[in-house]
Amino acid sequence: MSTNEELAVPQQDLAEAWQQTLPERLHGGDKAEVVADEADSRTLRVHIKTAGHQMFEFDFAVQYVDSREIDIQLTDVEKDGQTVDERTDVMQELIVDYRRHLHETAQALHHYTHS
């Protein structure tokens, strides 16, 4: 049974906090864009572009289940504008890595989301 509270931070403020915090947790050269999901006030849309010649782009939906817990869904992976198969070992390693960075960002913002 969860005793965590509902998220009370305005979505736009949360998106801005994520936009400031997430790049600090990514690999050097990777870029991230975080925006509020207009359809769901508990969800942020995260777009990550990898550094280097790989040119992969990952899209995630990060939903706050409550003020402390997030649920992360991979929504798309592209290379040069084309959808790629995310089931390969290399892609799975990258996805696991980025999911970890997303969780680290949420943890870094606990003071902000759970007050």
PDB file of N, CA and C in Angstrom:
ATOM      1  N   MET A   1       0.827  -1.166   0.000  1.00  0.00           N
ATOM      2  CA  MET A   1       0.000   0.000   0.000  1.00  0.00           C
ATOM      3  C   MET A   1       0.884   1.246   0.000  1.00  0.00           C
ATOM      4  N   SER A   2       0.615   2.148  -0.885  1.00  0.00           N
ATOM      5  CA  SER A   2       1.437   3.338  -1.036  1.00  0.00           C
ATOM      6  C   SER A   2       0.944   4.456  -0.129  1.00  0.00           C
ATOM      7  N   THR A   3       1.885   5.136   0.497  1.00  0.00           N
ATOM      8  CA  THR A   3       1.546   6.299   1.307  1.00  0.00           C
ATOM      9  C   THR A   3       2.037   7.572   0.634  1.00  0.00           C
ATOM     10  N   ASN A   4       2.503   7.457  -0.583  1.00  0.00           N
ATOM     11  CA  ASN A   4       3.002   8.621  -1.302  1.00  0.00           C
ATOM     12  C   ASN A   4       1.846   9.515  -1.709  1.00  0.00           C
ATOM     13  N   GLU A   5       2.150  10.778  -1.852  1.00  0.00           N
ATOM     14  CA  GLU A   5       1.142  11.767  -2.158  1.00  0.00           C
ATOM     15  C   GLU A   5       1.069  12.020  -3.655  1.00  0.00           C
ATOM     16  N   GLU A   6      -0.071  12.602  -4.053  1.00  0.00           N
ATOM     17  CA  GLU A   6      -0.225  13.021  -5.438  1.00  0.00           C
ATOM     18  C   GLU A   6       0.809  14.097  -5.762  1.00  0.00           C
ATOM     19  N   LEU A   7       1.197  14.161  -7.000  1.00  0.00           N
ATOM     20  CA  LEU A   7       2.135  15.178  -7.455  1.00  0.00           C
ATOM     21  C   LEU A   7       1.435  16.534  -7.434  1.00  0.00           C
ATOM     22  N   ALA A   8       2.017  17.509  -6.745  1.00  0.00           N
ATOM     23  CA  ALA A   8       1.388  18.819  -6.601  1.00  0.00           C
ATOM     24  C   ALA A   8       2.148  19.931  -7.328  1.00  0.00           C
ATOM     25  N   VAL A   9       3.200  19.588  -8.031  1.00  0.00           N
ATOM     26  CA  VAL A   9       4.011  20.578  -8.745  1.00  0.00           C
ATOM     27  C   VAL A   9       3.358  20.871 -10.092  1.00  0.00           C
ATOM     28  N   PRO A  10       3.218  22.152 -10.461  1.00  0.00           N
ATOM     29  CA  PRO A  10       2.683  22.465 -11.789  1.00  0.00           C
ATOM     30  C   PRO A  10       3.522  21.791 -12.885  1.00  0.00           C
ATOM     31  N   GLN A  11       2.844  21.228 -13.873  1.00  0.00           N
ATOM     32  CA  GLN A  11       3.514  20.442 -14.903  1.00  0.00           C
ATOM     33  C   GLN A  11       4.595  21.235 -15.636  1.00  0.00           C
ATOM     34  N   GLN A  12       4.322  22.478 -15.968  1.00  0.00           N
ATOM     35  CA  GLN A  12       5.308  23.273 -16.702  1.00  0.00           C
ATOM     36  C   GLN A  12       6.549  23.523 -15.854  1.00  0.00           C
ATOM     37  N   ASP A  13       6.355  23.776 -14.561  1.00  0.00           N
ATOM     38  CA  ASP A  13       7.498  23.959 -13.656  1.00  0.00           C
ATOM     39  C   ASP A  13       8.321  22.683 -13.568  1.00  0.00           C
ATOM     40  N   LEU A  14       7.629  21.551 -13.520  1.00  0.00           N
ATOM     41  CA  LEU A  14       8.315  20.263 -13.446  1.00  0.00           C
ATOM     42  C   LEU A  14       9.121  20.009 -14.719  1.00  0.00           C
ATOM     43  N   ALA A  15       8.530  20.310 -15.874  1.00  0.00           N
ATOM     44  CA  ALA A  15       9.240  20.133 -17.146  1.00  0.00           C
ATOM     45  C   ALA A  15      10.507  20.989 -17.174  1.00  0.00           C
ATOM     46  N   GLU A  16      10.416  22.210 -16.665  1.00  0.00           N
ATOM     47  CA  GLU A  16      11.588  23.091 -16.636  1.00  0.00           C
ATOM     48  C   GLU A  16      12.661  22.550 -15.691  1.00  0.00           C
ATOM     49  N   ALA A  17      12.244  22.015 -14.543  1.00  0.00           N
ATOM     50  CA  ALA A  17      13.206  21.432 -13.600  1.00  0.00           C
ATOM     51  C   ALA A  17      13.899  20.229 -14.232  1.00  0.00           C
ATOM     52  N   TRP A  18      13.136  19.406 -14.941  1.00  0.00           N
ATOM     53  CA  TRP A  18      13.726  18.260 -15.638  1.00  0.00           C
ATOM     54  C   TRP A  18      14.691  18.736 -16.722  1.00  0.00           C
ATOM     55  N   GLN A  19      14.308  19.779 -17.457  1.00  0.00           N
ATOM     56  CA  GLN A  19      15.156  20.287 -18.536  1.00  0.00           C
ATOM     57  C   GLN A  19      16.495  20.770 -17.991  1.00  0.00           C
ATOM     58  N   GLN A  20      16.508  21.299 -16.789  1.00  0.00           N
ATOM     59  CA  GLN A  20      17.754  21.760 -16.176  1.00  0.00           C
ATOM     60  C   GLN A  20      18.567  20.605 -15.604  1.00  0.00           C
ATOM     61  N   THR A  21      17.893  19.583 -15.078  1.00  0.00           N
ATOM     62  CA  THR A  21      18.566  18.520 -14.332  1.00  0.00           C
ATOM     63  C   THR A  21      19.021  17.354 -15.206  1.00  0.00           C
ATOM     64  N   LEU A  22      18.214  16.945 -16.165  1.00  0.00           N
ATOM     65  CA  LEU A  22      18.529  15.768 -16.981  1.00  0.00           C
ATOM     66  C   LEU A  22      19.864  15.876 -17.724  1.00  0.00           C
ATOM     67  N   PRO A  23      20.174  16.994 -18.388  1.00  0.00           N
ATOM     68  CA  PRO A  23      21.448  17.051 -19.127  1.00  0.00           C
ATOM     69  C   PRO A  23      22.676  16.805 -18.252  1.00  0.00           C
ATOM     70  N   GLU A  24      22.583  17.111 -16.960  1.00  0.00           N
ATOM     71  CA  GLU A  24      23.701  16.871 -16.048  1.00  0.00           C
ATOM     72  C   GLU A  24      23.955  15.379 -15.858  1.00  0.00           C
ATOM     73  N   ARG A  25      22.964  14.545 -16.153  1.00  0.00           N
ATOM     74  CA  ARG A  25      23.079  13.112 -15.931  1.00  0.00           C
ATOM     75  C   ARG A  25      23.357  12.326 -17.213  1.00  0.00           C
ATOM     76  N   LEU A  26      23.302  12.988 -18.344  1.00  0.00           N
ATOM     77  CA  LEU A  26      23.548  12.314 -19.621  1.00  0.00           C
ATOM     78  C   LEU A  26      25.039  12.281 -19.931  1.00  0.00           C
ATOM     79  N   HIS A  27      25.403  11.457 -20.910  1.00  0.00           N
ATOM     80  CA  HIS A  27      26.785  11.398 -21.385  1.00  0.00           C
ATOM     81  C   HIS A  27      27.129  12.717 -22.058  1.00  0.00           C
ATOM     82  N   GLY A  28      28.389  13.085 -22.005  1.00  0.00           N
ATOM     83  CA  GLY A  28      28.832  14.312 -22.634  1.00  0.00           C
ATOM     84  C   GLY A  28      28.441  14.364 -24.099  1.00  0.00           C
ATOM     85  N   GLY A  29      27.817  15.440 -24.499  1.00  0.00           N
ATOM     86  CA  GLY A  29      27.415  15.602 -25.888  1.00  0.00           C
ATOM     87  C   GLY A  29      25.990  15.185 -26.183  1.00  0.00           C
ATOM     88  N   ASP A  30      25.410  14.292 -25.369  1.00  0.00           N
ATOM     89  CA  ASP A  30      24.004  13.936 -25.558  1.00  0.00           C
ATOM     90  C   ASP A  30      23.152  15.156 -25.234  1.00  0.00           C
ATOM     91  N   LYS A  31      22.052  15.303 -25.948  1.00  0.00           N
ATOM     92  CA  LYS A  31      21.164  16.444 -25.736  1.00  0.00           C
ATOM     93  C   LYS A  31      19.768  15.944 -25.386  1.00  0.00           C
ATOM     94  N   ALA A  32      19.089  16.702 -24.525  1.00  0.00           N
ATOM     95  CA  ALA A  32      17.744  16.318 -24.112  1.00  0.00           C
ATOM     96  C   ALA A  32      16.804  17.512 -24.204  1.00  0.00           C
ATOM     97  N   GLU A  33      15.570  17.214 -24.560  1.00  0.00           N
ATOM     98  CA  GLU A  33      14.507  18.211 -24.541  1.00  0.00           C
ATOM     99  C   GLU A  33      13.359  17.616 -23.741  1.00  0.00           C
ATOM    100  N   VAL A  34      12.863  18.372 -22.771  1.00  0.00           N
ATOM    101  CA  VAL A  34      11.770  17.913 -21.925  1.00  0.00           C
ATOM    102  C   VAL A  34      10.612  18.886 -22.073  1.00  0.00           C
ATOM    103  N   VAL A  35       9.439  18.343 -22.393  1.00  0.00           N
ATOM    104  CA  VAL A  35       8.239  19.172 -22.517  1.00  0.00           C
ATOM    105  C   VAL A  35       7.088  18.514 -21.773  1.00  0.00           C
ATOM    106  N   ALA A  36       6.140  19.344 -21.379  1.00  0.00           N
ATOM    107  CA  ALA A  36       4.936  18.841 -20.725  1.00  0.00           C
ATOM    108  C   ALA A  36       4.068  18.133 -21.757  1.00  0.00           C
ATOM    109  N   ASP A  37       3.452  17.030 -21.358  1.00  0.00           N
ATOM    110  CA  ASP A  37       2.513  16.312 -22.218  1.00  0.00           C
ATOM    111  C   ASP A  37       1.166  17.019 -22.100  1.00  0.00           C
ATOM    112  N   GLU A  38       0.693  17.581 -23.191  1.00  0.00           N
ATOM    113  CA  GLU A  38      -0.550  18.347 -23.158  1.00  0.00           C
ATOM    114  C   GLU A  38      -1.769  17.487 -22.870  1.00  0.00           C
ATOM    115  N   ALA A  39      -1.680  16.188 -23.108  1.00  0.00           N
ATOM    116  CA  ALA A  39      -2.821  15.293 -22.906  1.00  0.00           C
ATOM    117  C   ALA A  39      -2.903  14.739 -21.486  1.00  0.00           C
ATOM    118  N   ASP A  40      -1.793  14.790 -20.726  1.00  0.00           N
ATOM    119  CA  ASP A  40      -1.767  14.195 -19.388  1.00  0.00           C
ATOM    120  C   ASP A  40      -0.900  15.053 -18.475  1.00  0.00           C
ATOM    121  N   SER A  41      -1.503  15.639 -17.471  1.00  0.00           N
ATOM    122  CA  SER A  41      -0.790  16.572 -16.591  1.00  0.00           C
ATOM    123  C   SER A  41       0.265  15.898 -15.722  1.00  0.00           C
ATOM    124  N   ARG A  42       0.265  14.556 -15.661  1.00  0.00           N
ATOM    125  CA  ARG A  42       1.262  13.837 -14.859  1.00  0.00           C
ATOM    126  C   ARG A  42       2.434  13.341 -15.702  1.00  0.00           C
ATOM    127  N   THR A  43       2.417  13.622 -17.002  1.00  0.00           N
ATOM    128  CA  THR A  43       3.409  13.053 -17.913  1.00  0.00           C
ATOM    129  C   THR A  43       4.271  14.131 -18.564  1.00  0.00           C
ATOM    130  N   LEU A  44       5.556  13.799 -18.683  1.00  0.00           N
ATOM    131  CA  LEU A  44       6.511  14.621 -19.413  1.00  0.00           C
ATOM    132  C   LEU A  44       6.978  13.833 -20.628  1.00  0.00           C
ATOM    133  N   ARG A  45       7.253  14.524 -21.706  1.00  0.00           N
ATOM    134  CA  ARG A  45       7.811  13.909 -22.911  1.00  0.00           C
ATOM    135  C   ARG A  45       9.288  14.265 -22.972  1.00  0.00           C
ATOM    136  N   VAL A  46      10.133  13.243 -23.090  1.00  0.00           N
ATOM    137  CA  VAL A  46      11.581  13.444 -23.090  1.00  0.00           C
ATOM    138  C   VAL A  46      12.139  12.960 -24.424  1.00  0.00           C
ATOM    139  N   HIS A  47      12.876  13.834 -25.085  1.00  0.00           N
ATOM    140  CA  HIS A  47      13.510  13.524 -26.372  1.00  0.00           C
ATOM    141  C   HIS A  47      15.020  13.624 -26.161  1.00  0.00           C
ATOM    142  N   ILE A  48      15.725  12.520 -26.399  1.00  0.00           N
ATOM    143  CA  ILE A  48      17.179  12.485 -26.204  1.00  0.00           C
ATOM    144  C   ILE A  48      17.857  12.200 -27.539  1.00  0.00           C
ATOM    145  N   LYS A  49      18.832  13.042 -27.888  1.00  0.00           N
ATOM    146  CA  LYS A  49      19.659  12.838 -29.082  1.00  0.00           C
ATOM    147  C   LYS A  49      21.035  12.405 -28.623  1.00  0.00           C
ATOM    148  N   THR A  50      21.507  11.280 -29.163  1.00  0.00           N
ATOM    149  CA  THR A  50      22.823  10.788 -28.773  1.00  0.00           C
ATOM    150  C   THR A  50      23.918  11.597 -29.451  1.00  0.00           C
ATOM    151  N   ALA A  51      25.048  11.655 -28.783  1.00  0.00           N
ATOM    152  CA  ALA A  51      26.215  12.344 -29.332  1.00  0.00           C
ATOM    153  C   ALA A  51      26.926  11.422 -30.314  1.00  0.00           C
ATOM    154  N   GLY A  52      27.794  11.995 -31.115  1.00  0.00           N
ATOM    155  CA  GLY A  52      28.628  11.186 -31.998  1.00  0.00           C
ATOM    156  C   GLY A  52      27.958  10.835 -33.307  1.00  0.00           C
ATOM    157  N   HIS A  53      28.552   9.868 -33.979  1.00  0.00           N
ATOM    158  CA  HIS A  53      28.113   9.517 -35.329  1.00  0.00           C
ATOM    159  C   HIS A  53      26.870   8.632 -35.349  1.00  0.00           C
ATOM    160  N   GLN A  54      26.459   8.110 -34.199  1.00  0.00           N
ATOM    161  CA  GLN A  54      25.305   7.205 -34.177  1.00  0.00           C
ATOM    162  C   GLN A  54      24.019   7.916 -34.581  1.00  0.00           C
ATOM    163  N   MET A  55      23.845   9.145 -34.086  1.00  0.00           N
ATOM    164  CA  MET A  55      22.681   9.966 -34.429  1.00  0.00           C
ATOM    165  C   MET A  55      21.350   9.303 -34.073  1.00  0.00           C
ATOM    166  N   PHE A  56      21.299   8.594 -32.963  1.00  0.00           N
ATOM    167  CA  PHE A  56      20.040   8.013 -32.511  1.00  0.00           C
ATOM    168  C   PHE A  56      19.241   9.064 -31.758  1.00  0.00           C
ATOM    169  N   GLU A  57      17.920   8.938 -31.836  1.00  0.00           N
ATOM    170  CA  GLU A  57      17.024   9.798 -31.079  1.00  0.00           C
ATOM    171  C   GLU A  57      16.024   8.907 -30.361  1.00  0.00           C
ATOM    172  N   PHE A  58      15.855   9.148 -29.065  1.00  0.00           N
ATOM    173  CA  PHE A  58      14.964   8.351 -28.228  1.00  0.00           C
ATOM    174  C   PHE A  58      13.857   9.243 -27.688  1.00  0.00           C
ATOM    175  N   ASP A  59      12.640   8.732 -27.701  1.00  0.00           N
ATOM    176  CA  ASP A  59      11.512   9.438 -27.105  1.00  0.00           C
ATOM    177  C   ASP A  59      10.948   8.592 -25.976  1.00  0.00           C
ATOM    178  N   PHE A  60      10.787   9.229 -24.824  1.00  0.00           N
ATOM    179  CA  PHE A  60      10.240   8.570 -23.648  1.00  0.00           C
ATOM    180  C   PHE A  60       9.060   9.368 -23.117  1.00  0.00           C
ATOM    181  N   ALA A  61       8.097   8.662 -22.542  1.00  0.00           N
ATOM    182  CA  ALA A  61       7.030   9.284 -21.763  1.00  0.00           C
ATOM    183  C   ALA A  61       7.334   8.961 -20.305  1.00  0.00           C
ATOM    184  N   VAL A  62       7.486   9.995 -19.495  1.00  0.00           N
ATOM    185  CA  VAL A  62       7.778   9.828 -18.071  1.00  0.00           C
ATOM    186  C   VAL A  62       6.541  10.281 -17.303  1.00  0.00           C
ATOM    187  N   GLN A  63       5.871   9.322 -16.685  1.00  0.00           N
ATOM    188  CA  GLN A  63       4.639   9.636 -15.957  1.00  0.00           C
ATOM    189  C   GLN A  63       4.872   9.514 -14.456  1.00  0.00           C
ATOM    190  N   TYR A  64       4.458  10.529 -13.739  1.00  0.00           N
ATOM    191  CA  TYR A  64       4.517  10.472 -12.277  1.00  0.00           C
ATOM    192  C   TYR A  64       3.319   9.684 -11.774  1.00  0.00           C
ATOM    193  N   VAL A  65       3.591   8.531 -11.161  1.00  0.00           N
ATOM    194  CA  VAL A  65       2.553   7.701 -10.559  1.00  0.00           C
ATOM    195  C   VAL A  65       2.061   8.402  -9.293  1.00  0.00           C
ATOM    196  N   ASP A  66       2.995   8.985  -8.557  1.00  0.00           N
ATOM    197  CA  ASP A  66       2.709   9.817  -7.391  1.00  0.00           C
ATOM    198  C   ASP A  66       3.885  10.775  -7.239  1.00  0.00           C
ATOM    199  N   SER A  67       4.016  11.400  -6.089  1.00  0.00           N
ATOM    200  CA  SER A  67       5.051  12.427  -5.939  1.00  0.00           C
ATOM    201  C   SER A  67       6.475  11.876  -5.922  1.00  0.00           C
ATOM    202  N   ARG A  68       6.634  10.557  -5.818  1.00  0.00           N
ATOM    203  CA  ARG A  68       7.980   9.969  -5.758  1.00  0.00           C
ATOM    204  C   ARG A  68       8.277   8.968  -6.871  1.00  0.00           C
ATOM    205  N   GLU A  69       7.270   8.302  -7.368  1.00  0.00           N
ATOM    206  CA  GLU A  69       7.484   7.197  -8.304  1.00  0.00           C
ATOM    207  C   GLU A  69       7.138   7.602  -9.732  1.00  0.00           C
ATOM    208  N   ILE A  70       8.025   7.189 -10.666  1.00  0.00           N
ATOM    209  CA  ILE A  70       7.754   7.443 -12.079  1.00  0.00           C
ATOM    210  C   ILE A  70       7.630   6.129 -12.836  1.00  0.00           C
ATOM    211  N   ASP A  71       6.891   6.193 -13.930  1.00  0.00           N
ATOM    212  CA  ASP A  71       6.773   5.087 -14.873  1.00  0.00           C
ATOM    213  C   ASP A  71       7.333   5.599 -16.194  1.00  0.00           C
ATOM    214  N   ILE A  72       8.248   4.850 -16.784  1.00  0.00           N
ATOM    215  CA  ILE A  72       8.904   5.282 -18.020  1.00  0.00           C
ATOM    216  C   ILE A  72       8.499   4.355 -19.158  1.00  0.00           C
ATOM    217  N   GLN A  73       8.022   4.947 -20.240  1.00  0.00           N
ATOM    218  CA  GLN A  73       7.682   4.189 -21.440  1.00  0.00           C
ATOM    219  C   GLN A  73       8.507   4.719 -22.609  1.00  0.00           C
ATOM    220  N   LEU A  74       9.174   3.816 -23.307  1.00  0.00           N
ATOM    221  CA  LEU A  74       9.859   4.183 -24.544  1.00  0.00           C
ATOM    222  C   LEU A  74       8.788   4.313 -25.618  1.00  0.00           C
ATOM    223  N   THR A  75       8.740   5.451 -26.294  1.00  0.00           N
ATOM    224  CA  THR A  75       7.710   5.637 -27.313  1.00  0.00           C
ATOM    225  C   THR A  75       8.252   5.568 -28.737  1.00  0.00           C
ATOM    226  N   ASP A  76       9.569   5.836 -28.921  1.00  0.00           N
ATOM    227  CA  ASP A  76      10.119   5.781 -30.276  1.00  0.00           C
ATOM    228  C   ASP A  76      11.644   5.812 -30.225  1.00  0.00           C
ATOM    229  N   VAL A  77      12.261   5.153 -31.210  1.00  0.00           N
ATOM    230  CA  VAL A  77      13.706   5.244 -31.431  1.00  0.00           C
ATOM    231  C   VAL A  77      13.904   5.469 -32.924  1.00  0.00           C
ATOM    232  N   GLU A  78      14.688   6.486 -33.259  1.00  0.00           N
ATOM    233  CA  GLU A  78      14.947   6.789 -34.663  1.00  0.00           C
ATOM    234  C   GLU A  78      16.435   6.996 -34.904  1.00  0.00           C
ATOM    235  N   LYS A  79      16.819   6.749 -36.157  1.00  0.00           N
ATOM    236  CA  LYS A  79      18.162   7.085 -36.632  1.00  0.00           C
ATOM    237  C   LYS A  79      17.975   7.750 -37.981  1.00  0.00           C
ATOM    238  N   ASP A  80      18.490   8.953 -38.098  1.00  0.00           N
ATOM    239  CA  ASP A  80      18.342   9.725 -39.341  1.00  0.00           C
ATOM    240  C   ASP A  80      16.882   9.827 -39.768  1.00  0.00           C
ATOM    241  N   GLY A  81      15.980  10.007 -38.806  1.00  0.00           N
ATOM    242  CA  GLY A  81      14.569  10.188 -39.113  1.00  0.00           C
ATOM    243  C   GLY A  81      13.795   8.917 -39.404  1.00  0.00           C
ATOM    244  N   GLN A  82      14.448   7.765 -39.337  1.00  0.00           N
ATOM    245  CA  GLN A  82      13.796   6.486 -39.614  1.00  0.00           C
ATOM    246  C   GLN A  82      13.671   5.681 -38.324  1.00  0.00           C
ATOM    247  N   THR A  83      12.499   5.095 -38.101  1.00  0.00           N
ATOM    248  CA  THR A  83      12.298   4.250 -36.930  1.00  0.00           C
ATOM    249  C   THR A  83      13.217   3.046 -37.020  1.00  0.00           C
ATOM    250  N   VAL A  84      13.838   2.681 -35.894  1.00  0.00           N
ATOM    251  CA  VAL A  84      14.738   1.529 -35.859  1.00  0.00           C
ATOM    252  C   VAL A  84      14.208   0.491 -34.877  1.00  0.00           C
ATOM    253  N   ASP A  85      14.682  -0.725 -35.044  1.00  0.00           N
ATOM    254  CA  ASP A  85      14.288  -1.833 -34.170  1.00  0.00           C
ATOM    255  C   ASP A  85      15.000  -1.681 -32.838  1.00  0.00           C
ATOM    256  N   GLU A  86      14.230  -1.457 -31.782  1.00  0.00           N
ATOM    257  CA  GLU A  86      14.839  -1.255 -30.467  1.00  0.00           C
ATOM    258  C   GLU A  86      15.130  -2.556 -29.740  1.00  0.00           C
ATOM    259  N   ARG A  87      14.884  -3.693 -30.377  1.00  0.00           N
ATOM    260  CA  ARG A  87      15.070  -4.985 -29.709  1.00  0.00           C
ATOM    261  C   ARG A  87      16.490  -5.532 -29.801  1.00  0.00           C
ATOM    262  N   THR A  88      17.365  -4.883 -30.557  1.00  0.00           N
ATOM    263  CA  THR A  88      18.741  -5.379 -30.655  1.00  0.00           C
ATOM    264  C   THR A  88      19.466  -5.169 -29.327  1.00  0.00           C
ATOM    265  N   ASP A  89      20.524  -5.938 -29.109  1.00  0.00           N
ATOM    266  CA  ASP A  89      21.276  -5.839 -27.854  1.00  0.00           C
ATOM    267  C   ASP A  89      21.841  -4.438 -27.637  1.00  0.00           C
ATOM    268  N   VAL A  90      22.388  -3.850 -28.692  1.00  0.00           N
ATOM    269  CA  VAL A  90      22.977  -2.514 -28.573  1.00  0.00           C
ATOM    270  C   VAL A  90      21.910  -1.498 -28.181  1.00  0.00           C
ATOM    271  N   MET A  91      20.763  -1.567 -28.833  1.00  0.00           N
ATOM    272  CA  MET A  91      19.686  -0.626 -28.524  1.00  0.00           C
ATOM    273  C   MET A  91      19.169  -0.845 -27.107  1.00  0.00           C
ATOM    274  N   GLN A  92      19.044  -2.090 -26.691  1.00  0.00           N
ATOM    275  CA  GLN A  92      18.561  -2.374 -25.336  1.00  0.00           C
ATOM    276  C   GLN A  92      19.515  -1.809 -24.287  1.00  0.00           C
ATOM    277  N   GLU A  93      20.815  -1.902 -24.547  1.00  0.00           N
ATOM    278  CA  GLU A  93      21.793  -1.335 -23.610  1.00  0.00           C
ATOM    279  C   GLU A  93      21.634   0.182 -23.508  1.00  0.00           C
ATOM    280  N   LEU A  94      21.447   0.836 -24.642  1.00  0.00           N
ATOM    281  CA  LEU A  94      21.252   2.285 -24.636  1.00  0.00           C
ATOM    282  C   LEU A  94      19.965   2.660 -23.910  1.00  0.00           C
ATOM    283  N   ILE A  95      18.902   1.912 -24.165  1.00  0.00           N
ATOM    284  CA  ILE A  95      17.610   2.195 -23.529  1.00  0.00           C
ATOM    285  C   ILE A  95      17.705   2.030 -22.019  1.00  0.00           C
ATOM    286  N   VAL A  96      18.344   0.955 -21.572  1.00  0.00           N
ATOM    287  CA  VAL A  96      18.522   0.735 -20.127  1.00  0.00           C
ATOM    288  C   VAL A  96      19.319   1.892 -19.524  1.00  0.00           C
ATOM    289  N   ASP A  97      20.349   2.317 -20.227  1.00  0.00           N
ATOM    290  CA  ASP A  97      21.181   3.413 -19.753  1.00  0.00           C
ATOM    291  C   ASP A  97      20.363   4.705 -19.620  1.00  0.00           C
ATOM    292  N   TYR A  98      19.587   5.036 -20.648  1.00  0.00           N
ATOM    293  CA  TYR A  98      18.790   6.264 -20.589  1.00  0.00           C
ATOM    294  C   TYR A  98      17.679   6.170 -19.550  1.00  0.00           C
ATOM    295  N   ARG A  99      17.081   4.997 -19.397  1.00  0.00           N
ATOM    296  CA  ARG A  99      16.063   4.829 -18.348  1.00  0.00           C
ATOM    297  C   ARG A  99      16.689   5.086 -16.971  1.00  0.00           C
ATOM    298  N   ARG A 100      17.914   4.621 -16.779  1.00  0.00           N
ATOM    299  CA  ARG A 100      18.605   4.869 -15.509  1.00  0.00           C
ATOM    300  C   ARG A 100      18.806   6.369 -15.301  1.00  0.00           C
ATOM    301  N   HIS A 101      19.201   7.086 -16.346  1.00  0.00           N
ATOM    302  CA  HIS A 101      19.379   8.536 -16.242  1.00  0.00           C
ATOM    303  C   HIS A 101      18.054   9.231 -15.912  1.00  0.00           C
ATOM    304  N   LEU A 102      16.960   8.729 -16.464  1.00  0.00           N
ATOM    305  CA  LEU A 102      15.649   9.316 -16.166  1.00  0.00           C
ATOM    306  C   LEU A 102      15.282   9.091 -14.702  1.00  0.00           C
ATOM    307  N   HIS A 103      15.539   7.883 -14.198  1.00  0.00           N
ATOM    308  CA  HIS A 103      15.276   7.612 -12.781  1.00  0.00           C
ATOM    309  C   HIS A 103      16.173   8.478 -11.888  1.00  0.00           C
ATOM    310  N   GLU A 104      17.432   8.645 -12.281  1.00  0.00           N
ATOM    311  CA  GLU A 104      18.347   9.487 -11.507  1.00  0.00           C
ATOM    312  C   GLU A 104      17.850  10.931 -11.461  1.00  0.00           C
ATOM    313  N   THR A 105      17.307  11.398 -12.570  1.00  0.00           N
ATOM    314  CA  THR A 105      16.769  12.756 -12.612  1.00  0.00           C
ATOM    315  C   THR A 105      15.580  12.886 -11.674  1.00  0.00           C
ATOM    316  N   ALA A 106      14.681  11.909 -11.712  1.00  0.00           N
ATOM    317  CA  ALA A 106      13.521  11.943 -10.809  1.00  0.00           C
ATOM    318  C   ALA A 106      13.976  11.938  -9.353  1.00  0.00           C
ATOM    319  N   GLN A 107      14.985  11.118  -9.048  1.00  0.00           N
ATOM    320  CA  GLN A 107      15.498  11.076  -7.671  1.00  0.00           C
ATOM    321  C   GLN A 107      16.112  12.415  -7.275  1.00  0.00           C
ATOM    322  N   ALA A 108      16.827  13.037  -8.187  1.00  0.00           N
ATOM    323  CA  ALA A 108      17.448  14.331  -7.895  1.00  0.00           C
ATOM    324  C   ALA A 108      16.397  15.405  -7.637  1.00  0.00           C
ATOM    325  N   LEU A 109      15.199  15.212  -8.159  1.00  0.00           N
ATOM    326  CA  LEU A 109      14.128  16.201  -7.998  1.00  0.00           C
ATOM    327  C   LEU A 109      13.127  15.830  -6.906  1.00  0.00           C
ATOM    328  N   HIS A 110      13.422  14.787  -6.123  1.00  0.00           N
ATOM    329  CA  HIS A 110      12.511  14.388  -5.035  1.00  0.00           C
ATOM    330  C   HIS A 110      12.213  15.552  -4.101  1.00  0.00           C
ATOM    331  N   HIS A 111      13.235  16.360  -3.812  1.00  0.00           N
ATOM    332  CA  HIS A 111      13.018  17.507  -2.919  1.00  0.00           C
ATOM    333  C   HIS A 111      11.986  18.470  -3.498  1.00  0.00           C
ATOM    334  N   TYR A 112      11.874  18.479  -4.811  1.00  0.00           N
ATOM    335  CA  TYR A 112      10.977  19.390  -5.514  1.00  0.00           C
ATOM    336  C   TYR A 112       9.574  18.794  -5.653  1.00  0.00           C
ATOM    337  N   THR A 113       9.509  17.502  -5.932  1.00  0.00           N
ATOM    338  CA  THR A 113       8.213  16.864  -6.185  1.00  0.00           C
ATOM    339  C   THR A 113       7.538  16.365  -4.925  1.00  0.00           C
ATOM    340  N   HIS A 114       8.303  16.140  -3.877  1.00  0.00           N
ATOM    341  CA  HIS A 114       7.735  15.597  -2.640  1.00  0.00           C
ATOM    342  C   HIS A 114       8.055  16.549  -1.493  1.00  0.00           C
ATOM    343  N   SER A 115       7.241  17.591  -1.384  1.00  0.00           N
ATOM    344  CA  SER A 115       7.503  18.573  -0.328  1.00  0.00           C
ATOM    345  C   SER A 115       6.377  18.636   0.673  1.00  0.00           C
TER     346      SER A 115
END
